[in-house]
Every structure is written in structure tokens, then in C-alpha cells.
C-alpha atoms as a PDB file:
ATOM      1  CA  UNK A   1      -5.544  38.575   7.204  1.00  0.00           C
ATOM      2  CA  UNK A   2      -5.040  41.805   6.859  1.00  0.00           C
ATOM      3  CA  UNK A   3      -0.922  41.620   8.002  1.00  0.00           C
ATOM      4  CA  UNK A   4       2.150  43.651   6.097  1.00  0.00           C
ATOM      5  CA  UNK A   5       4.819  41.779   4.158  1.00  0.00           C
ATOM      6  CA  UNK A   6       6.546  40.221   6.918  1.00  0.00           C
ATOM      7  CA  UNK A   7      10.964  41.075   6.823  1.00  0.00           C
ATOM      8  CA  UNK A   8      12.253  37.486   6.239  1.00  0.00           C
ATOM      9  CA  UNK A   9      14.891  37.863   8.593  1.00  0.00           C
ATOM     10  CA  UNK A  10      12.843  38.838  11.738  1.00  0.00           C
ATOM     11  CA  UNK A  11      11.710  34.906  10.930  1.00  0.00           C
ATOM     12  CA  UNK A  12      12.982  32.696  14.208  1.00  0.00           C
ATOM     13  CA  UNK A  13      13.468  29.097  14.845  1.00  0.00           C
ATOM     14  CA  UNK A  14      12.426  26.874  17.965  1.00  0.00           C
ATOM     15  CA  UNK A  15      16.044  28.016  18.891  1.00  0.00           C
ATOM     16  CA  UNK A  16      15.630  31.527  18.189  1.00  0.00           C
ATOM     17  CA  UNK A  17      17.751  31.581  15.460  1.00  0.00           C
ATOM     18  CA  UNK A  18      17.382  33.490  12.261  1.00  0.00           C
ATOM     19  CA  UNK A  19      15.901  32.004   8.853  1.00  0.00           C
ATOM     20  CA  UNK A  20      16.096  34.029   6.171  1.00  0.00           C
ATOM     21  CA  UNK A  21      16.787  32.372   3.051  1.00  0.00           C
ATOM     22  CA  UNK A  22      15.344  28.724   1.862  1.00  0.00           C
ATOM     23  CA  UNK A  23      18.543  26.784   2.530  1.00  0.00           C
ATOM     24  CA  UNK A  24      17.822  28.086   6.285  1.00  0.00           C
ATOM     25  CA  UNK A  25      14.651  26.948   6.394  1.00  0.00           C
ATOM     26  CA  UNK A  26      15.573  23.282   4.620  1.00  0.00           C
ATOM     27  CA  UNK A  27      18.380  23.055   7.170  1.00  0.00           C
ATOM     28  CA  UNK A  28      16.125  24.236  10.039  1.00  0.00           C
ATOM     29  CA  UNK A  29      13.504  21.590   9.279  1.00  0.00           C
ATOM     30  CA  UNK A  30      16.201  18.759   8.810  1.00  0.00           C
ATOM     31  CA  UNK A  31      17.272  19.208  11.980  1.00  0.00           C
ATOM     32  CA  UNK A  32      13.729  19.804  13.743  1.00  0.00           C
ATOM     33  CA  UNK A  33      12.750  16.490  12.394  1.00  0.00           C
ATOM     34  CA  UNK A  34      16.142  14.734  13.877  1.00  0.00           C
ATOM     35  CA  UNK A  35      15.294  15.993  16.975  1.00  0.00           C
ATOM     36  CA  UNK A  36      12.010  14.259  16.730  1.00  0.00           C
ATOM     37  CA  UNK A  37      12.607  11.338  15.275  1.00  0.00           C
ATOM     38  CA  UNK A  38      15.649  10.387  18.304  1.00  0.00           C
ATOM     39  CA  UNK A  39      13.005  12.030  20.798  1.00  0.00           C
ATOM     40  CA  UNK A  40      15.224  14.899  21.777  1.00  0.00           C
ATOM     41  CA  UNK A  41      13.118  17.790  21.524  1.00  0.00           C
ATOM     42  CA  UNK A  42      13.737  21.308  21.736  1.00  0.00           C
ATOM     43  CA  UNK A  43      11.871  23.150  24.961  1.00  0.00           C
ATOM     44  CA  UNK A  44       9.072  24.755  23.170  1.00  0.00           C
ATOM     45  CA  UNK A  45       7.517  28.496  24.177  1.00  0.00           C
ATOM     46  CA  UNK A  46       3.851  27.854  24.857  1.00  0.00           C
ATOM     47  CA  UNK A  47       3.233  30.361  27.216  1.00  0.00           C
ATOM     48  CA  UNK A  48       1.874  33.445  27.484  1.00  0.00           C
ATOM     49  CA  UNK A  49       4.733  35.524  26.658  1.00  0.00           C
ATOM     50  CA  UNK A  50       4.969  33.600  23.761  1.00  0.00           C
ATOM     51  CA  UNK A  51       1.346  34.289  22.609  1.00  0.00           C
ATOM     52  CA  UNK A  52       1.811  38.040  23.481  1.00  0.00           C
ATOM     53  CA  UNK A  53       5.008  38.253  21.255  1.00  0.00           C
ATOM     54  CA  UNK A  54       2.861  37.008  18.263  1.00  0.00           C
ATOM     55  CA  UNK A  55      -0.017  39.020  18.986  1.00  0.00           C
ATOM     56  CA  UNK A  56       0.720  41.629  16.796  1.00  0.00           C
ATOM     57  CA  UNK A  57       2.551  39.862  13.800  1.00  0.00           C
ATOM     58  CA  UNK A  58       3.250  36.134  12.565  1.00  0.00           C
ATOM     59  CA  UNK A  59       6.813  35.512  11.460  1.00  0.00           C
ATOM     60  CA  UNK A  60       6.578  31.988   9.976  1.00  0.00           C
ATOM     61  CA  UNK A  61      10.154  30.843   8.234  1.00  0.00           C
ATOM     62  CA  UNK A  62       8.386  27.835   6.016  1.00  0.00           C
ATOM     63  CA  UNK A  63       4.690  26.964   4.926  1.00  0.00           C
ATOM     64  CA  UNK A  64       3.790  23.249   5.013  1.00  0.00           C
ATOM     65  CA  UNK A  65       0.671  22.108   3.061  1.00  0.00           C
ATOM     66  CA  UNK A  66       0.156  18.554   4.464  1.00  0.00           C
ATOM     67  CA  UNK A  67      -2.531  15.877   4.464  1.00  0.00           C
ATOM     68  CA  UNK A  68      -5.006  16.592   6.998  1.00  0.00           C
ATOM     69  CA  UNK A  69      -4.094  12.858   8.926  1.00  0.00           C
ATOM     70  CA  UNK A  70      -4.004  13.112  12.932  1.00  0.00           C
ATOM     71  CA  UNK A  71      -0.356  11.430  12.819  1.00  0.00           C
ATOM     72  CA  UNK A  72       1.383  14.205  10.693  1.00  0.00           C
ATOM     73  CA  UNK A  73       1.130  17.270  12.549  1.00  0.00           C
ATOM     74  CA  UNK A  74       3.737  19.614  11.432  1.00  0.00           C
ATOM     75  CA  UNK A  75       5.066  21.066  14.474  1.00  0.00           C
ATOM     76  CA  UNK A  76       5.692  17.976  15.878  1.00  0.00           C
ATOM     77  CA  UNK A  77       6.674  16.029  13.150  1.00  0.00           C
ATOM     78  CA  UNK A  78       9.371  18.975  12.482  1.00  0.00           C
ATOM     79  CA  UNK A  79       9.833  20.184  16.298  1.00  0.00           C
ATOM     80  CA  UNK A  80       8.699  23.860  16.247  1.00  0.00           C
ATOM     81  CA  UNK A  81       6.213  25.788  18.642  1.00  0.00           C
ATOM     82  CA  UNK A  82       4.099  28.637  17.924  1.00  0.00           C
ATOM     83  CA  UNK A  83       4.723  31.057  15.247  1.00  0.00           C
ATOM     84  CA  UNK A  84       7.231  29.006  13.126  1.00  0.00           C
ATOM     85  CA  UNK A  85       5.116  27.161  10.523  1.00  0.00           C
ATOM     86  CA  UNK A  86       2.432  28.525   8.683  1.00  0.00           C
ATOM     87  CA  UNK A  87       0.362  25.226   8.149  1.00  0.00           C
ATOM     88  CA  UNK A  88      -2.199  24.535   5.517  1.00  0.00           C
ATOM     89  CA  UNK A  89      -3.798  20.921   5.277  1.00  0.00           C
ATOM     90  CA  UNK A  90      -6.571  19.077   3.063  1.00  0.00           C
ATOM     91  CA  UNK A  91      -7.267  15.143   3.438  1.00  0.00           C
ATOM     92  CA  UNK A  92      -4.140  13.700   0.396  1.00  0.00           C
ATOM     93  CA  UNK A  93      -2.832  17.013   0.549  1.00  0.00           C
ATOM     94  CA  UNK A  94      -5.477  18.127  -2.415  1.00  0.00           C
ATOM     95  CA  UNK A  95      -5.302  21.483  -3.862  1.00  0.00           C
ATOM     96  CA  UNK A  96      -8.118  23.926  -4.604  1.00  0.00           C
ATOM     97  CA  UNK A  97      -8.290  27.504  -4.321  1.00  0.00           C
ATOM     98  CA  UNK A  98      -8.188  27.849  -1.010  1.00  0.00           C
ATOM     99  CA  UNK A  99      -5.053  26.299  -0.888  1.00  0.00           C
ATOM    100  CA  UNK A 100      -3.322  28.150  -3.919  1.00  0.00           C
ATOM    101  CA  UNK A 101      -4.408  31.323  -2.003  1.00  0.00           C
ATOM    102  CA  UNK A 102      -2.945  30.537   1.188  1.00  0.00           C
ATOM    103  CA  UNK A 103       0.154  29.638  -0.436  1.00  0.00           C
ATOM    104  CA  UNK A 104       0.348  33.291  -2.151  1.00  0.00           C
ATOM    105  CA  UNK A 105      -0.658  34.737   1.294  1.00  0.00           C
ATOM    106  CA  UNK A 106       2.600  32.783   2.638  1.00  0.00           C
ATOM    107  CA  UNK A 107       5.141  33.086   0.540  1.00  0.00           C
ATOM    108  CA  UNK A 108       3.959  36.918  -1.080  1.00  0.00           C
ATOM    109  CA  UNK A 109       2.533  39.088   2.359  1.00  0.00           C
ATOM    110  CA  UNK A 110       4.488  36.736   5.111  1.00  0.00           C
ATOM    111  CA  UNK A 111       7.922  36.621   3.017  1.00  0.00           C
ATOM    112  CA  UNK A 112       7.967  32.746   3.774  1.00  0.00           C
ATOM    113  CA  UNK A 113      11.269  31.524   2.068  1.00  0.00           C
ATOM    114  CA  UNK A 114      10.165  27.526   1.819  1.00  0.00           C
ATOM    115  CA  UNK A 115       7.264  25.791   1.116  1.00  0.00           C
ATOM    116  CA  UNK A 116       6.944  21.801   1.975  1.00  0.00           C
ATOM    117  CA  UNK A 117       4.294  19.119   0.803  1.00  0.00           C
ATOM    118  CA  UNK A 118       4.039  17.315   3.510  1.00  0.00           C
ATOM    119  CA  UNK A 119       2.980  13.580   2.138  1.00  0.00           C
ATOM    120  CA  UNK A 120       2.655  10.303   3.926  1.00  0.00           C
ATOM    121  CA  UNK A 121       3.259   6.622   4.041  1.00  0.00           C
ATOM    122  CA  UNK A 122       0.080   4.324   5.157  1.00  0.00           C
ATOM    123  CA  UNK A 123      -2.152   7.751   3.598  1.00  0.00           C
ATOM    124  CA  UNK A 124      -5.741   6.800   3.253  1.00  0.00           C
ATOM    125  CA  UNK A 125      -6.815   8.837   0.476  1.00  0.00           C
ATOM    126  CA  UNK A 126      -4.290   7.632  -1.922  1.00  0.00           C
ATOM    127  CA  UNK A 127      -5.301   3.627  -0.672  1.00  0.00           C
ATOM    128  CA  UNK A 128      -8.933   4.621  -1.607  1.00  0.00           C
ATOM    129  CA  UNK A 129      -7.753   5.958  -4.911  1.00  0.00           C
ATOM    130  CA  UNK A 130      -5.800   3.511  -5.588  1.00  0.00           C
ATOM    131  CA  UNK A 131      -9.157   0.771  -4.768  1.00  0.00           C
ATOM    132  CA  UNK A 132     -11.523   3.222  -6.567  1.00  0.00           C
ATOM    133  CA  UNK A 133      -9.215   2.944  -9.997  1.00  0.00           C
ATOM    134  CA  UNK A 134      -9.187  -0.625  -9.213  1.00  0.00           C
ATOM    135  CA  UNK A 135     -12.126  -1.401  -9.044  1.00  0.00           C
ATOM    136  CA  UNK A 136     -13.820   1.830 -10.654  1.00  0.00           C
ATOM    137  CA  UNK A 137     -15.841   2.387  -8.127  1.00  0.00           C
ATOM    138  CA  UNK A 138     -16.038   5.892  -6.628  1.00  0.00           C
ATOM    139  CA  UNK A 139     -16.837   6.556  -2.466  1.00  0.00           C
ATOM    140  CA  UNK A 140     -20.110   9.034  -2.037  1.00  0.00           C
ATOM    141  CA  UNK A 141     -20.339  11.839  -1.115  1.00  0.00           C
ATOM    142  CA  UNK A 142     -17.104  14.526  -1.228  1.00  0.00           C
ATOM    143  CA  UNK A 143     -14.143  12.098  -0.529  1.00  0.00           C
ATOM    144  CA  UNK A 144     -14.999  11.434  -4.051  1.00  0.00           C
ATOM    145  CA  UNK A 145     -13.954  15.009  -4.916  1.00  0.00           C
ATOM    146  CA  UNK A 146     -10.536  14.229  -3.016  1.00  0.00           C
ATOM    147  CA  UNK A 147     -10.418  10.820  -4.750  1.00  0.00           C
ATOM    148  CA  UNK A 148     -10.784  12.225  -8.223  1.00  0.00           C
ATOM    149  CA  UNK A 149      -8.100  15.030  -7.148  1.00  0.00           C
ATOM    150  CA  UNK A 150      -5.638  11.920  -6.131  1.00  0.00           C
ATOM    151  CA  UNK A 151      -6.562   9.953  -9.095  1.00  0.00           C
ATOM    152  CA  UNK A 152      -3.799  12.003 -11.969  1.00  0.00           C
ATOM    153  CA  UNK A 153      -1.133  11.007  -9.201  1.00  0.00           C
ATOM    154  CA  UNK A 154      -1.889   7.120  -8.790  1.00  0.00           C
ATOM    155  CA  UNK A 155      -2.274   6.863 -12.815  1.00  0.00           C
ATOM    156  CA  UNK A 156       1.212   7.775 -13.252  1.00  0.00           C
ATOM    157  CA  UNK A 157       2.781   5.894 -10.403  1.00  0.00           C
ATOM    158  CA  UNK A 158       1.148   3.242 -12.404  1.00  0.00           C
ATOM    159  CA  UNK A 159       2.337   4.044 -15.659  1.00  0.00           C
ATOM    160  CA  UNK A 160       5.807   4.129 -13.690  1.00  0.00           C
ATOM    161  CA  UNK A 161       5.554   0.554 -13.012  1.00  0.00           C
ATOM    162  CA  UNK A 162       4.928   1.575  -8.922  1.00  0.00           C
ATOM    163  CA  UNK A 163       1.540   0.181  -7.792  1.00  0.00           C
ATOM    164  CA  UNK A 164       1.974   0.358  -4.479  1.00  0.00           C
ATOM    165  CA  UNK A 165       0.139   2.581  -2.551  1.00  0.00           C
ATOM    166  CA  UNK A 166       3.313   3.841  -0.367  1.00  0.00           C
ATOM    167  CA  UNK A 167       4.763   4.464  -4.101  1.00  0.00           C
ATOM    168  CA  UNK A 168       1.642   6.383  -5.342  1.00  0.00           C
ATOM    169  CA  UNK A 169       1.739   8.211  -2.380  1.00  0.00           C
ATOM    170  CA  UNK A 170       5.346   9.831  -2.767  1.00  0.00           C
ATOM    171  CA  UNK A 171       4.499  10.187  -6.999  1.00  0.00           C
ATOM    172  CA  UNK A 172       1.259  12.176  -5.426  1.00  0.00           C
ATOM    173  CA  UNK A 173       3.776  14.240  -3.197  1.00  0.00           C
ATOM    174  CA  UNK A 174       5.257  14.923  -7.000  1.00  0.00           C
ATOM    175  CA  UNK A 175       2.940  16.042  -8.402  1.00  0.00           C
ATOM    176  CA  UNK A 176       1.427  18.262  -5.872  1.00  0.00           C
ATOM    177  CA  UNK A 177       4.783  19.608  -5.950  1.00  0.00           C
ATOM    178  CA  UNK A 178       4.819  20.524  -9.812  1.00  0.00           C
ATOM    179  CA  UNK A 179       0.931  21.857  -9.425  1.00  0.00           C
ATOM    180  CA  UNK A 180       1.634  24.215  -6.811  1.00  0.00           C
ATOM    181  CA  UNK A 181       4.478  25.356  -8.834  1.00  0.00           C
ATOM    182  CA  UNK A 182       2.635  25.399 -12.478  1.00  0.00           C
ATOM    183  CA  UNK A 183      -0.568  26.781 -10.653  1.00  0.00           C
ATOM    184  CA  UNK A 184       0.546  29.721  -8.412  1.00  0.00           C
ATOM    185  CA  UNK A 185       2.005  32.628 -10.928  1.00  0.00           C
ATOM    186  CA  UNK A 186       3.418  33.766  -7.904  1.00  0.00           C
ATOM    187  CA  UNK A 187       5.041  30.767  -6.319  1.00  0.00           C
ATOM    188  CA  UNK A 188       6.366  29.952  -9.716  1.00  0.00           C
ATOM    189  CA  UNK A 189       8.271  34.015  -9.702  1.00  0.00           C
ATOM    190  CA  UNK A 190       9.258  33.384  -6.181  1.00  0.00           C
ATOM    191  CA  UNK A 191      10.541  30.022  -6.798  1.00  0.00           C
ATOM    192  CA  UNK A 192      12.539  31.931  -9.923  1.00  0.00           C
ATOM    193  CA  UNK A 193      14.351  34.756  -7.783  1.00  0.00           C
ATOM    194  CA  UNK A 194      15.210  32.914  -5.529  1.00  0.00           C
ATOM    195  CA  UNK A 195      12.781  34.320  -2.795  1.00  0.00           C
ATOM    196  CA  UNK A 196      11.332  30.545  -2.276  1.00  0.00           C
ATOM    197  CA  UNK A 197      12.273  27.268  -2.703  1.00  0.00           C
ATOM    198  CA  UNK A 198       9.480  23.961  -2.570  1.00  0.00           C
ATOM    199  CA  UNK A 199      10.639  20.739  -1.368  1.00  0.00           C
ATOM    200  CA  UNK A 200       8.246  17.722  -1.827  1.00  0.00           C
ATOM    201  CA  UNK A 201       8.423  15.102   1.699  1.00  0.00           C
ATOM    202  CA  UNK A 202       7.525  11.562   2.625  1.00  0.00           C
ATOM    203  CA  UNK A 203       6.914  10.971   6.263  1.00  0.00           C
ATOM    204  CA  UNK A 204       7.442   7.702   7.964  1.00  0.00           C
ATOM    205  CA  UNK A 205       4.970   7.347  10.256  1.00  0.00           C
ATOM    206  CA  UNK A 206       6.957   4.623  12.262  1.00  0.00           C
ATOM    207  CA  UNK A 207      10.345   5.882  11.980  1.00  0.00           C
ATOM    208  CA  UNK A 208       9.404   9.766  12.537  1.00  0.00           C
ATOM    209  CA  UNK A 209      11.617  10.498   9.681  1.00  0.00           C
ATOM    210  CA  UNK A 210      11.010  12.752   6.014  1.00  0.00           C
ATOM    211  CA  UNK A 211      12.081  11.814   2.887  1.00  0.00           C
ATOM    212  CA  UNK A 212      12.746  14.041  -0.077  1.00  0.00           C
ATOM    213  CA  UNK A 213      11.126  13.172  -3.296  1.00  0.00           C
ATOM    214  CA  UNK A 214      11.032  16.074  -5.116  1.00  0.00           C
ATOM    215  CA  UNK A 215      12.800  19.976  -5.119  1.00  0.00           C
ATOM    216  CA  UNK A 216      12.121  23.513  -6.931  1.00  0.00           C
ATOM    217  CA  UNK A 217      13.924  26.241  -6.445  1.00  0.00           C
ATOM    218  CA  UNK A 218      17.580  26.771  -5.548  1.00  0.00           C
ATOM    219  CA  UNK A 219      17.938  24.293  -2.554  1.00  0.00           C
ATOM    220  CA  UNK A 220      21.386  22.797  -2.066  1.00  0.00           C
ATOM    221  CA  UNK A 221      21.690  18.936  -0.431  1.00  0.00           C
ATOM    222  CA  UNK A 222      21.931  19.494   3.469  1.00  0.00           C
ATOM    223  CA  UNK A 223      22.061  16.562   5.152  1.00  0.00           C
ATOM    224  CA  UNK A 224      19.477  14.488   6.278  1.00  0.00           C
ATOM    225  CA  UNK A 225      17.137  13.188   3.952  1.00  0.00           C
ATOM    226  CA  UNK A 226      17.612  10.751   1.913  1.00  0.00           C
ATOM    227  CA  UNK A 227      15.693  10.119  -1.236  1.00  0.00           C
ATOM    228  CA  UNK A 228      12.522   7.538  -1.244  1.00  0.00           C
END
């Protein structure tokens, strides 16, 4: 991963428009999600010419840290193609040192102006954690590690009277946004300097749309995503 720092002005979206600021990236993702939900997708350039163009250097305009669920592929959800998004995924979007290093690589080395935490409704990791909290029975193997990392979010939701799995999932997105900024001094600095912003979203599986649950940094309200 020895890549030179990317000039953010070189980043382009699926339509070829320049994406420079956190607000640019946010508008681009919202527009792409609207196209996806409505079924009006851009023609993605996935051919040999596009692969050759990207072979020497990548210039993504957003980093998406999301759940590994097969139904929540960020490139589809935001209608973007090769080279547009730097994607990091774990079950239940649980954070570890590899995730933090990946985020810092994206923000500091690639110059990405927007970090997205992408959760979703009907999340299996969250449902398993809610069940474990209710029954006291933890799963076996390393699935237990995932449940243990999601548990603080479920408990936080329950303290606020939010008892459903989807409410706990939304709280887990909030807590993940806060955790990334709190744990990564590099990300916190980028947010503080206005070079980057962080937004937490919940994706609705049936509707295909994202809803905002948390933001950090200079990210103006620019339209369609309503609060969860």
C-alpha cells in the first residue's frame, strides 16, 4: 500500500465530476443513493480502459466503513464504480486496529474527504447481540468477539428506551462514528481541520435509501437523507 498522497481535486464521481470537499462527497453519495433507490443508475465504466486508468493510482472520494452483509454493497448503494469508494467491511461494522489503520490510510494517505459508517436494518450481528443481552448466552468462537463489540451500543440504546433490534442498530452506527473519531487522532485532526467529515447512515434494505443518524465535521444539510 505504498501510494503517494492523492490530491483530492483529482477525485471524480461516476459522472466524471470533481469531488474535492466533504460537502462535495456527501452530495455525490446522496445523489447516487437516490439513483439506486429509484432504479436510474449511471452506466458504470468497468471495462479495460477504466481498469488501466486506475492501475497506477487510486483516487477515491469517500471511504465507506460498513457491515459485511451481502445485501449492503456500498458501490451499488451509492451507484459508484471502480475507483470511486475505498470500502472497509466487517460483520456488524465492528472496529478493530485493522479498521482504524484502514481509515487513517484513506484519510491521510489517499486524502479522502468523507468517511461513512454504513449500517442497515435487519442486521444479524445486532440481532445476535440483542439476543445475547436478553438471554445471557454468548455465541461460540469468534462470533462472540463481534457480539462483545456490539454490546455497548445495544446497552446504550436500551438505556434510552430503544428496545428493538433496528433501534439498537441505529445506535450502533452512532457509537461507531464516535468511536472512530475518539480512537483515531489522525481522523479527529482531519475533521477538526475541515479536511474530512464523518457521517453515520442506516440503509433500509427494502427501500434502498440511507438515513442519517450521526455527523461529525463540517457537513451541511444538502437534501434527501432524513434522520432515522
